[in-house]
Amino acid sequence: MTVNKLSALFDNDMLKKYDSRGPRYTSYPTALEFEESFENDEFEACIKSSINRDLSLYIHIPFCHSLCYYCGCNKIVTRHPEKADRYLDMLIQEMAYRASQLKDREVSQIHLGGGTPSFLSEAQISRLMLWVRRLFKIKQRTEVSIEIDPRNLDLNYVDHLANEGFNRMSIGVQDITAKVQIAINRQQSSGFIKQLIERAHLVGFDSVNIDLIYGLPHQTEQSFAESLKVINGFNADRISLFSYAHLPDRFAAQRKIKDTWLPSAAAKLGLMQMAMAHFLATGYDMIGMDHFAKPTDELAIAMRSGQLHRNFQGYTTQGDTDLLGLGVSAISSLGHCYSQNHKSLRDYDTAIAEQGHAIEKGKVLSEDDMVRRYVIAELMCNLNLSKPKVNEYFEVDFDQYFADSIKVLQPLIKDGLVNNDLTHLSVAPEARLIIRTVCMAFDAYLPEAAQARYSKVI
């Protein structure tokens, strides 16, 4: 996607026609389809039957020092760092329980998410990583990443992370305008964020990502333009550009944000367009629907070669990898099943103490789920799908199997946004902003009445 194609990408008539509510498809089926009847025995059977040998670890750290009003993540706000010590006790027990079942796997990716993983002190980080290394087989060159809140740490923390093997970080920036930061209760220094990124590059981090959100309270065209200029000076390797989903009925903290503070739908769309144009003009490649990366970054390279993948953490270069989620609310994807841990810390603690694991719900995928998961993942990541590959992998006839889906896609095909020929189904680059709408045609769990559970695709 180049700057001169932006007019097609931002065709307002097209966006209005095909904008809808739908999943982000970090998984298929989505977490809304997980069942409480799912048992640990089913999960362990999926571990044994999986053909994948590489393992990705996702470790959820739920604690935050303060409440950000826009946030919909599973988190625990506390000023007491010692609470993390008790949590690490439980986390290590869970890791030991699962590591004994995964002795033949090698870990190629570790990600600390939250909450705020940088809530952990240097000593707590060291303790956690010591047990990760003791319990799991870690590949020599493993991707180790962490999400950072820049408000409650100093530059030496980055050095400590590097010494513990971390080589990637993602910094929550969201917006740098003071009025916006006050409204979302997230005041932070842009100068310090720049120093943080510089320090990370200096001590050997391979990649630094920053998260931005458009559609926040008090964002205007002028303020957002100024923010983008400052952010350009950060020299981040990757940018994640997210749409703020205002769902105060679901997330109590969002009730602190008045509806009248939010940009209109048209203004919000303009902010998105401004950001995308800016990042493309300043040398980033567009990855999927909402990420940007420098052309030399491995995400950009994977996209160009058709090897981009997607999991619960977003876009990744690692495809044939099982994901083990550890900690409160963490989601796993192993072989042909998903599972999710208890979402409350009390339930998580009790479950670990009594049984060693904390699975609350999950789903064993059917053959139909597996086919549709592959199709949706290929379209979400690469905008292109090989029908012969689907036929070979799953022993189906694509055109017959998905005849109803192709009917649903006919308006997009007629408008030139989707191409359906004998061997491929492909999505035009200018339609990438509505890729979720395209994928919804292949979602067997998504009757129209259920779409209200999701945020808008744009």
Protein backbone atom coordinates (compact mmCIF):
# COMPACT_ATOMS: atom_id res chain seq x y z
CA MET A 1 0.00 0.00 0.00
CA THR A 2 1.52 3.29 -1.14
CA VAL A 3 0.46 6.83 -0.42
CA ASN A 4 -0.94 7.35 -3.92
CA LYS A 5 -3.47 4.54 -3.28
CA LEU A 6 -4.85 6.20 -0.17
CA SER A 7 -7.81 7.73 -2.00
CA ALA A 8 -9.06 4.23 -2.84
CA LEU A 9 -8.34 2.98 0.68
CA PHE A 10 -10.37 5.86 2.13
CA ASP A 11 -13.31 5.70 -0.28
CA ASN A 12 -16.01 6.99 2.07
CA ASP A 13 -18.85 5.45 0.07
CA MET A 14 -17.17 2.05 0.27
CA LEU A 15 -16.47 2.42 3.99
CA LYS A 16 -20.04 3.45 4.77
CA LYS A 17 -21.48 0.66 2.65
CA TYR A 18 -19.46 -2.14 4.23
CA ASP A 19 -18.75 -0.89 7.74
CA SER A 20 -20.43 -3.12 10.34
CA ARG A 21 -19.85 -4.70 13.74
CA GLY A 22 -17.71 -7.81 13.93
CA PRO A 23 -14.85 -9.71 15.58
CA ARG A 24 -11.18 -8.77 15.30
CA TYR A 25 -10.45 -12.44 14.50
CA THR A 26 -7.43 -12.92 16.71
CA SER A 27 -8.95 -16.40 16.83
CA TYR A 28 -11.66 -18.41 15.14
CA PRO A 29 -13.99 -19.31 16.69
CA THR A 30 -13.78 -16.20 18.87
CA ALA A 31 -13.60 -16.27 22.66
CA LEU A 32 -17.36 -15.59 22.81
CA GLU A 33 -17.87 -19.18 21.65
CA PHE A 34 -15.82 -20.75 24.46
CA GLU A 35 -17.85 -23.21 26.57
CA GLU A 36 -17.79 -23.66 30.35
CA SER A 37 -18.29 -27.41 29.85
CA PHE A 38 -14.72 -27.60 28.45
CA GLU A 39 -12.53 -29.77 30.69
CA ASN A 40 -8.82 -29.92 31.43
CA ASP A 41 -8.75 -33.51 30.11
CA GLU A 42 -9.77 -32.17 26.69
CA PHE A 43 -7.01 -29.57 26.87
CA GLU A 44 -4.38 -32.19 27.71
CA ALA A 45 -5.62 -34.37 24.84
CA CYS A 46 -5.09 -31.40 22.51
CA ILE A 47 -1.52 -31.02 23.84
CA LYS A 48 -0.80 -34.68 23.01
CA SER A 49 -2.36 -34.57 19.56
CA SER A 50 -0.84 -31.29 18.37
CA ILE A 51 1.77 -31.67 15.62
CA ASN A 52 3.44 -28.35 16.49
CA ARG A 53 6.81 -28.59 18.23
CA ASP A 54 7.43 -24.90 18.92
CA LEU A 55 5.70 -23.16 21.79
CA SER A 56 4.81 -19.53 22.45
CA LEU A 57 4.27 -18.46 26.05
CA TYR A 58 1.84 -15.67 26.91
CA ILE A 59 2.11 -14.59 30.55
CA HIS A 60 -0.60 -12.27 31.86
CA ILE A 61 0.37 -9.75 34.53
CA PRO A 62 -2.93 -8.12 35.57
CA PHE A 63 -1.70 -5.32 37.83
CA CYS A 64 -1.72 -1.58 37.08
CA HIS A 65 -0.68 1.36 39.25
CA SER A 66 -3.68 3.44 38.13
CA LEU A 67 -6.86 3.13 36.08
CA CYS A 68 -6.89 4.28 32.46
CA TYR A 69 -10.48 5.17 31.68
CA TYR A 70 -10.46 3.94 28.06
CA CYS A 71 -9.15 0.46 28.93
CA GLY A 72 -11.15 -2.75 28.46
CA CYS A 73 -8.38 -5.15 29.51
CA ASN A 74 -8.51 -7.56 32.44
CA LYS A 75 -6.61 -5.67 35.12
CA ILE A 76 -6.26 -5.09 38.87
CA VAL A 77 -5.45 -1.56 40.00
CA THR A 78 -3.28 -1.51 43.12
CA ARG A 79 -0.52 0.51 44.78
CA HIS A 80 0.79 -2.53 46.61
CA PRO A 81 3.70 -4.17 44.70
CA GLU A 82 3.82 -7.07 47.17
CA LYS A 83 0.56 -8.37 45.67
CA ALA A 84 2.61 -9.40 42.66
CA ASP A 85 4.75 -11.70 44.84
CA ARG A 86 1.72 -13.81 45.78
CA TYR A 87 0.61 -13.79 42.14
CA LEU A 88 4.03 -15.00 41.00
CA ASP A 89 3.75 -17.88 43.49
CA MET A 90 0.58 -19.04 41.74
CA LEU A 91 1.96 -18.35 38.28
CA ILE A 92 5.04 -20.50 38.93
CA GLN A 93 2.80 -23.34 40.13
CA GLU A 94 0.79 -23.14 36.93
CA MET A 95 3.94 -23.03 34.80
CA ALA A 96 5.32 -26.12 36.56
CA TYR A 97 2.04 -27.98 36.00
CA ARG A 98 1.98 -27.25 32.28
CA ALA A 99 5.74 -27.58 31.69
CA SER A 100 5.58 -31.21 32.81
CA GLN A 101 3.12 -31.86 29.96
CA LEU A 102 5.19 -29.98 27.35
CA LYS A 103 8.65 -31.43 27.90
CA ASP A 104 9.10 -32.17 24.20
CA ARG A 105 8.40 -28.56 23.13
CA GLU A 106 10.84 -25.69 22.61
CA VAL A 107 9.83 -22.15 23.43
CA SER A 108 10.42 -19.76 20.52
CA GLN A 109 8.40 -16.80 21.79
CA ILE A 110 7.61 -15.28 25.20
CA HIS A 111 5.28 -12.34 25.71
CA LEU A 112 4.36 -10.56 28.94
CA GLY A 113 1.02 -8.79 28.61
CA GLY A 114 -1.49 -7.21 30.94
CA GLY A 115 -2.52 -5.15 32.74
CA THR A 116 0.90 -3.64 33.03
CA PRO A 117 3.78 -6.14 33.07
CA SER A 118 6.20 -3.32 33.92
CA PHE A 119 4.32 -3.15 37.24
CA LEU A 120 6.77 -5.90 38.25
CA SER A 121 9.94 -4.75 40.00
CA GLU A 122 13.34 -5.71 38.64
CA ALA A 123 13.57 -8.44 41.29
CA GLN A 124 10.14 -9.77 40.38
CA ILE A 125 11.01 -9.79 36.66
CA SER A 126 14.18 -11.75 37.46
CA ARG A 127 12.28 -14.24 39.58
CA LEU A 128 9.71 -14.83 36.85
CA MET A 129 12.27 -15.26 34.08
CA LEU A 130 14.40 -17.57 36.26
CA TRP A 131 11.47 -19.97 36.58
CA VAL A 132 10.57 -19.70 32.90
CA ARG A 133 14.10 -20.79 32.04
CA ARG A 134 14.09 -23.56 34.66
CA LEU A 135 10.78 -25.06 33.62
CA PHE A 136 10.81 -24.74 29.82
CA LYS A 137 13.27 -25.46 27.03
CA ILE A 138 14.09 -22.05 25.58
CA LYS A 139 15.49 -21.75 22.07
CA GLN A 140 18.77 -19.89 21.75
CA ARG A 141 17.26 -17.05 19.75
CA THR A 142 13.83 -16.53 21.31
CA GLU A 143 11.58 -13.53 20.83
CA VAL A 144 10.98 -12.14 24.34
CA SER A 145 8.63 -9.16 24.56
CA ILE A 146 6.93 -7.05 27.21
CA GLU A 147 4.25 -4.36 27.35
CA ILE A 148 5.42 -1.17 29.05
CA ASP A 149 3.68 1.66 30.87
CA PRO A 150 6.22 4.52 30.67
CA ARG A 151 4.84 6.40 33.69
CA ASN A 152 6.25 4.35 36.56
CA LEU A 153 9.79 3.31 35.71
CA ASP A 154 13.24 4.70 34.99
CA LEU A 155 15.64 4.10 32.14
CA ASN A 156 17.64 1.52 34.09
CA TYR A 157 14.60 -0.76 33.97
CA VAL A 158 15.23 -1.18 30.23
CA ASP A 159 18.80 -2.28 30.92
CA HIS A 160 17.52 -4.86 33.38
CA LEU A 161 15.04 -6.18 30.84
CA ALA A 162 17.81 -6.56 28.27
CA ASN A 163 19.94 -8.45 30.81
CA GLU A 164 17.00 -10.82 31.40
CA GLY A 165 16.77 -11.62 27.68
CA PHE A 166 14.01 -9.26 26.57
CA ASN A 167 14.52 -8.04 23.01
CA ARG A 168 11.14 -6.48 22.13
CA MET A 169 8.88 -4.04 23.88
CA SER A 170 5.57 -2.34 23.26
CA ILE A 171 4.92 1.03 24.88
CA GLY A 172 1.42 2.29 25.59
CA VAL A 173 1.40 5.87 24.28
CA GLN A 174 -2.23 6.23 23.08
CA ASP A 175 -2.04 10.05 22.65
CA ILE A 176 0.40 12.75 23.73
CA THR A 177 -1.98 15.73 23.99
CA ALA A 178 -2.40 16.92 27.58
CA LYS A 179 -6.18 17.44 27.39
CA VAL A 180 -6.69 13.94 26.01
CA GLN A 181 -4.36 12.40 28.59
CA ILE A 182 -6.23 14.07 31.44
CA ALA A 183 -9.58 12.85 30.09
CA ILE A 184 -8.38 9.23 29.96
CA ASN A 185 -6.39 9.50 33.23
CA ARG A 186 -3.07 8.71 31.58
CA GLN A 187 -0.66 11.63 31.88
CA GLN A 188 2.88 10.90 30.72
CA SER A 189 5.97 12.57 29.33
CA SER A 190 6.63 12.44 25.59
CA GLY A 191 10.24 13.34 26.22
CA PHE A 192 10.70 10.36 28.51
CA ILE A 193 9.03 8.01 26.00
CA LYS A 194 11.55 9.14 23.37
CA GLN A 195 14.41 8.49 25.82
CA LEU A 196 12.94 5.09 26.62
CA ILE A 197 12.90 4.06 22.97
CA GLU A 198 16.42 5.37 22.41
CA ARG A 199 17.65 3.42 25.43
CA ALA A 200 15.96 0.24 24.21
CA HIS A 201 17.69 0.53 20.84
CA LEU A 202 20.99 1.32 22.55
CA VAL A 203 20.94 -1.80 24.75
CA GLY A 204 20.06 -4.10 21.87
CA PHE A 205 16.28 -4.41 21.61
CA ASP A 206 15.36 -5.71 18.15
CA SER A 207 12.05 -3.90 17.96
CA VAL A 208 10.05 -1.25 19.80
CA ASN A 209 6.33 -0.85 19.15
CA ILE A 210 4.11 1.99 20.27
CA ASP A 211 0.34 1.77 20.70
CA LEU A 212 -1.84 4.66 19.53
CA ILE A 213 -5.60 5.07 19.78
CA TYR A 214 -7.82 7.26 17.61
CA GLY A 215 -11.32 8.30 18.65
CA LEU A 216 -10.35 9.27 22.22
CA PRO A 217 -12.04 12.16 24.04
CA HIS A 218 -11.03 15.66 22.91
CA GLN A 219 -8.97 14.43 19.95
CA THR A 220 -9.21 16.90 17.08
CA GLU A 221 -7.65 17.05 13.65
CA GLN A 222 -5.22 19.72 14.84
CA SER A 223 -4.22 18.00 18.10
CA PHE A 224 -3.80 14.62 16.44
CA ALA A 225 -1.66 16.11 13.68
CA GLU A 226 0.64 17.58 16.34
CA SER A 227 0.77 14.23 18.13
CA LEU A 228 1.78 12.44 14.94
CA LYS A 229 4.65 14.89 14.38
CA VAL A 230 6.01 14.20 17.84
CA ILE A 231 5.51 10.44 17.49
CA ASN A 232 7.44 10.50 14.23
CA GLY A 233 10.47 11.62 16.24
CA PHE A 234 10.23 8.55 18.48
CA ASN A 235 11.69 6.37 15.70
CA ALA A 236 9.60 3.34 16.71
CA ASP A 237 10.02 0.17 14.66
CA ARG A 238 6.32 -0.64 14.72
CA ILE A 239 3.07 1.25 15.26
CA SER A 240 -0.21 -0.29 16.42
CA LEU A 241 -3.11 1.99 15.54
CA PHE A 242 -6.33 1.08 17.32
CA SER A 243 -9.86 2.41 17.23
CA TYR A 244 -11.30 3.40 20.60
CA ALA A 245 -14.41 1.32 21.25
CA HIS A 246 -16.65 3.23 23.65
CA LEU A 247 -18.63 0.54 25.48
CA PRO A 248 -19.48 2.04 28.89
CA ASP A 249 -22.14 -0.61 29.52
CA ARG A 250 -19.42 -3.27 29.45
CA PHE A 251 -16.48 -1.36 30.95
CA ALA A 252 -17.32 0.71 34.02
CA ALA A 253 -14.21 2.90 33.77
CA GLN A 254 -15.40 4.23 30.40
CA ARG A 255 -18.33 5.88 32.17
CA LYS A 256 -15.80 8.50 33.25
CA ILE A 257 -15.67 9.56 29.59
CA LYS A 258 -18.59 11.71 28.49
CA ASP A 259 -20.13 10.96 25.10
CA THR A 260 -19.95 14.66 24.25
CA TRP A 261 -16.14 14.56 24.56
CA LEU A 262 -15.80 12.02 21.75
CA PRO A 263 -15.21 12.92 18.10
CA SER A 264 -18.10 12.26 15.74
CA ALA A 265 -18.02 9.17 13.54
CA ALA A 266 -16.93 11.30 10.58
CA ALA A 267 -14.22 13.04 12.62
CA LYS A 268 -12.98 9.71 13.98
CA LEU A 269 -12.70 8.34 10.45
CA GLY A 270 -10.72 11.44 9.52
CA LEU A 271 -8.29 10.84 12.41
CA MET A 272 -7.72 7.29 11.21
CA GLN A 273 -7.11 8.45 7.66
CA MET A 274 -4.71 11.14 8.86
CA ALA A 275 -2.67 8.65 10.89
CA MET A 276 -2.48 6.09 8.09
CA ALA A 277 -1.44 8.71 5.55
CA HIS A 278 1.20 10.01 7.95
CA PHE A 279 2.80 6.64 8.66
CA LEU A 280 2.82 5.61 5.01
CA ALA A 281 4.35 8.95 4.05
CA THR A 282 7.07 8.62 6.69
CA GLY A 283 8.32 5.24 5.46
CA TYR A 284 6.27 2.60 7.27
CA ASP A 285 4.62 -0.35 5.54
CA MET A 286 1.00 -1.13 6.39
CA ILE A 287 0.63 -4.52 8.08
CA GLY A 288 -2.81 -6.09 8.00
CA MET A 289 -5.53 -3.62 8.88
CA ASP A 290 -4.13 -1.59 11.77
CA HIS A 291 -0.37 -2.07 12.15
CA PHE A 292 2.64 -0.38 10.57
CA ALA A 293 6.27 -1.44 10.47
CA LYS A 294 9.51 -0.25 8.94
CA PRO A 295 10.27 -2.09 5.67
CA THR A 296 13.23 -3.86 7.31
CA ASP A 297 11.14 -5.15 10.22
CA GLU A 298 10.40 -8.88 10.15
CA LEU A 299 6.64 -8.23 10.17
CA ALA A 300 6.94 -6.23 6.94
CA ILE A 301 9.17 -8.90 5.43
CA ALA A 302 6.69 -11.63 6.41
CA MET A 303 3.81 -9.68 4.89
CA ARG A 304 5.62 -9.24 1.58
CA SER A 305 6.40 -12.98 1.42
CA GLY A 306 2.87 -14.06 2.37
CA GLN A 307 4.08 -15.53 5.69
CA LEU A 308 2.26 -13.25 8.12
CA HIS A 309 0.27 -14.91 10.90
CA ARG A 310 -2.14 -13.78 13.61
CA ASN A 311 -2.85 -14.89 17.17
CA PHE A 312 -4.30 -13.47 20.40
CA GLN A 313 -1.43 -10.96 20.60
CA GLY A 314 -2.01 -9.69 17.06
CA TYR A 315 0.19 -10.12 13.98
CA THR A 316 3.23 -12.38 14.27
CA THR A 317 5.83 -14.10 12.10
CA GLN A 318 5.39 -17.41 13.93
CA GLY A 319 2.79 -19.69 12.41
CA ASP A 320 3.33 -23.35 13.30
CA THR A 321 3.47 -22.55 17.00
CA ASP A 322 1.17 -23.54 19.85
CA LEU A 323 0.29 -20.78 22.32
CA LEU A 324 0.23 -21.49 26.06
CA GLY A 325 -1.49 -18.78 28.09
CA LEU A 326 -0.46 -18.49 31.73
CA GLY A 327 -2.02 -16.37 34.45
CA VAL A 328 -5.43 -14.92 35.20
CA SER A 329 -7.72 -14.67 32.12
CA ALA A 330 -4.95 -15.96 29.79
CA ILE A 331 -6.02 -17.75 26.60
CA SER A 332 -4.26 -20.77 25.10
CA SER A 333 -4.39 -22.16 21.58
CA LEU A 334 -2.95 -25.66 21.34
CA GLY A 335 -3.61 -27.94 18.40
CA HIS A 336 -7.34 -28.04 17.77
CA CYS A 337 -8.57 -26.38 20.95
CA TYR A 338 -8.70 -23.09 22.84
CA SER A 339 -8.90 -22.56 26.58
CA GLN A 340 -9.19 -19.59 28.90
CA ASN A 341 -8.25 -19.26 32.56
CA HIS A 342 -10.48 -17.80 35.25
CA LYS A 343 -10.84 -14.03 34.94
CA SER A 344 -10.98 -13.18 38.65
CA LEU A 345 -7.80 -13.33 40.71
CA ARG A 346 -9.58 -15.08 43.58
CA ASP A 347 -10.92 -17.85 41.32
CA TYR A 348 -7.54 -18.19 39.65
CA ASP A 349 -5.73 -18.55 43.00
CA THR A 350 -8.22 -21.12 44.25
CA ALA A 351 -8.02 -23.18 41.08
CA ILE A 352 -4.22 -23.24 41.01
CA ALA A 353 -4.03 -24.18 44.69
CA GLU A 354 -6.56 -27.00 44.33
CA GLN A 355 -5.78 -28.46 40.91
CA GLY A 356 -2.64 -26.89 39.43
CA HIS A 357 -4.43 -25.33 36.46
CA ALA A 358 -7.02 -22.57 36.16
CA ILE A 359 -9.06 -23.42 33.05
CA GLU A 360 -12.55 -21.95 33.23
CA LYS A 361 -13.76 -22.53 29.68
CA GLY A 362 -12.62 -23.44 26.20
CA LYS A 363 -13.53 -25.07 22.94
CA VAL A 364 -12.54 -28.15 20.97
CA LEU A 365 -12.55 -27.22 17.30
CA SER A 366 -14.58 -29.24 14.82
CA GLU A 367 -13.35 -30.03 11.33
CA ASP A 368 -15.51 -27.17 10.05
CA ASP A 369 -13.92 -24.82 12.61
CA MET A 370 -10.44 -25.82 11.43
CA VAL A 371 -11.23 -25.11 7.77
CA ARG A 372 -12.81 -21.75 8.52
CA ARG A 373 -10.01 -20.79 10.92
CA TYR A 374 -7.45 -21.34 8.16
CA VAL A 375 -9.46 -19.36 5.59
CA ILE A 376 -10.06 -16.41 7.91
CA ALA A 377 -6.42 -16.32 9.06
CA GLU A 378 -5.11 -16.28 5.49
CA LEU A 379 -7.41 -13.43 4.52
CA MET A 380 -6.74 -11.41 7.68
CA CYS A 381 -2.98 -11.69 7.28
CA ASN A 382 -2.26 -11.89 3.59
CA LEU A 383 -5.46 -10.71 1.81
CA ASN A 384 -5.14 -13.79 -0.38
CA LEU A 385 -6.22 -17.40 -0.21
CA SER A 386 -5.16 -20.37 -2.34
CA LYS A 387 -8.14 -22.62 -3.00
CA PRO A 388 -5.96 -25.62 -4.02
CA LYS A 389 -4.20 -25.41 -0.63
CA VAL A 390 -7.52 -25.44 1.22
CA ASN A 391 -8.64 -28.41 -0.89
CA GLU A 392 -5.39 -30.27 -0.21
CA TYR A 393 -5.12 -29.51 3.52
CA PHE A 394 -8.73 -30.28 4.40
CA GLU A 395 -9.90 -32.58 1.58
CA VAL A 396 -12.77 -30.33 0.54
CA ASP A 397 -13.86 -28.58 -2.63
CA PHE A 398 -13.56 -24.89 -1.72
CA ASP A 399 -16.19 -23.59 -4.13
CA GLN A 400 -18.76 -26.15 -3.00
CA TYR A 401 -17.90 -25.96 0.70
CA PHE A 402 -18.11 -22.17 0.80
CA ALA A 403 -20.86 -21.62 -1.76
CA ASP A 404 -22.99 -19.74 0.78
CA SER A 405 -20.04 -17.56 1.80
CA ILE A 406 -19.32 -16.64 -1.81
CA LYS A 407 -22.97 -15.58 -2.19
CA VAL A 408 -22.58 -13.26 0.81
CA LEU A 409 -19.46 -11.77 -0.81
CA GLN A 410 -21.16 -11.06 -4.15
CA PRO A 411 -21.67 -7.31 -3.47
CA LEU A 412 -17.94 -6.94 -2.69
CA ILE A 413 -17.03 -9.00 -5.75
CA LYS A 414 -19.30 -6.82 -7.91
CA ASP A 415 -17.64 -3.68 -6.49
CA GLY A 416 -14.18 -5.03 -7.32
CA LEU A 417 -13.15 -5.33 -3.67
CA VAL A 418 -12.90 -9.12 -3.69
CA ASN A 419 -11.71 -11.27 -6.58
CA ASN A 420 -12.89 -14.86 -6.87
CA ASP A 421 -11.28 -16.92 -9.64
CA LEU A 422 -10.62 -20.62 -10.17
CA THR A 423 -7.58 -20.82 -7.90
CA HIS A 424 -7.66 -17.85 -5.51
CA LEU A 425 -9.87 -15.67 -3.42
CA SER A 426 -8.19 -12.32 -2.90
CA VAL A 427 -9.03 -8.99 -1.32
CA ALA A 428 -8.07 -5.77 -3.07
CA PRO A 429 -5.47 -3.74 -1.11
CA GLU A 430 -7.85 -0.80 -0.95
CA ALA A 431 -10.38 -3.02 0.87
CA ARG A 432 -8.07 -3.95 3.75
CA LEU A 433 -9.92 -1.64 6.15
CA ILE A 434 -13.00 -3.81 5.76
CA ILE A 435 -11.16 -7.15 5.87
CA ARG A 436 -13.10 -8.09 9.01
CA THR A 437 -16.32 -7.66 7.03
CA VAL A 438 -14.95 -9.99 4.35
CA CYS A 439 -14.01 -12.61 6.95
CA MET A 440 -17.45 -12.45 8.54
CA ALA A 441 -18.79 -14.16 5.41
CA PHE A 442 -16.92 -17.30 6.51
CA ASP A 443 -17.96 -17.13 10.18
CA ALA A 444 -20.49 -19.86 10.97
CA TYR A 445 -21.13 -18.44 14.46
CA LEU A 446 -22.16 -14.95 13.42
CA PRO A 447 -25.89 -14.51 12.79
CA GLU A 448 -26.77 -10.89 12.23
CA ALA A 449 -28.45 -10.63 15.64
CA ALA A 450 -25.15 -11.45 17.35
CA GLN A 451 -23.17 -8.68 15.74
CA ALA A 452 -24.20 -6.15 18.40
CA ARG A 453 -21.75 -7.91 20.76
CA TYR A 454 -18.84 -6.54 18.75
CA SER A 455 -17.32 -3.14 18.07
CA LYS A 456 -17.43 -1.46 14.66
CA VAL A 457 -14.85 -2.79 12.19
CA ILE A 458 -13.66 0.76 11.44
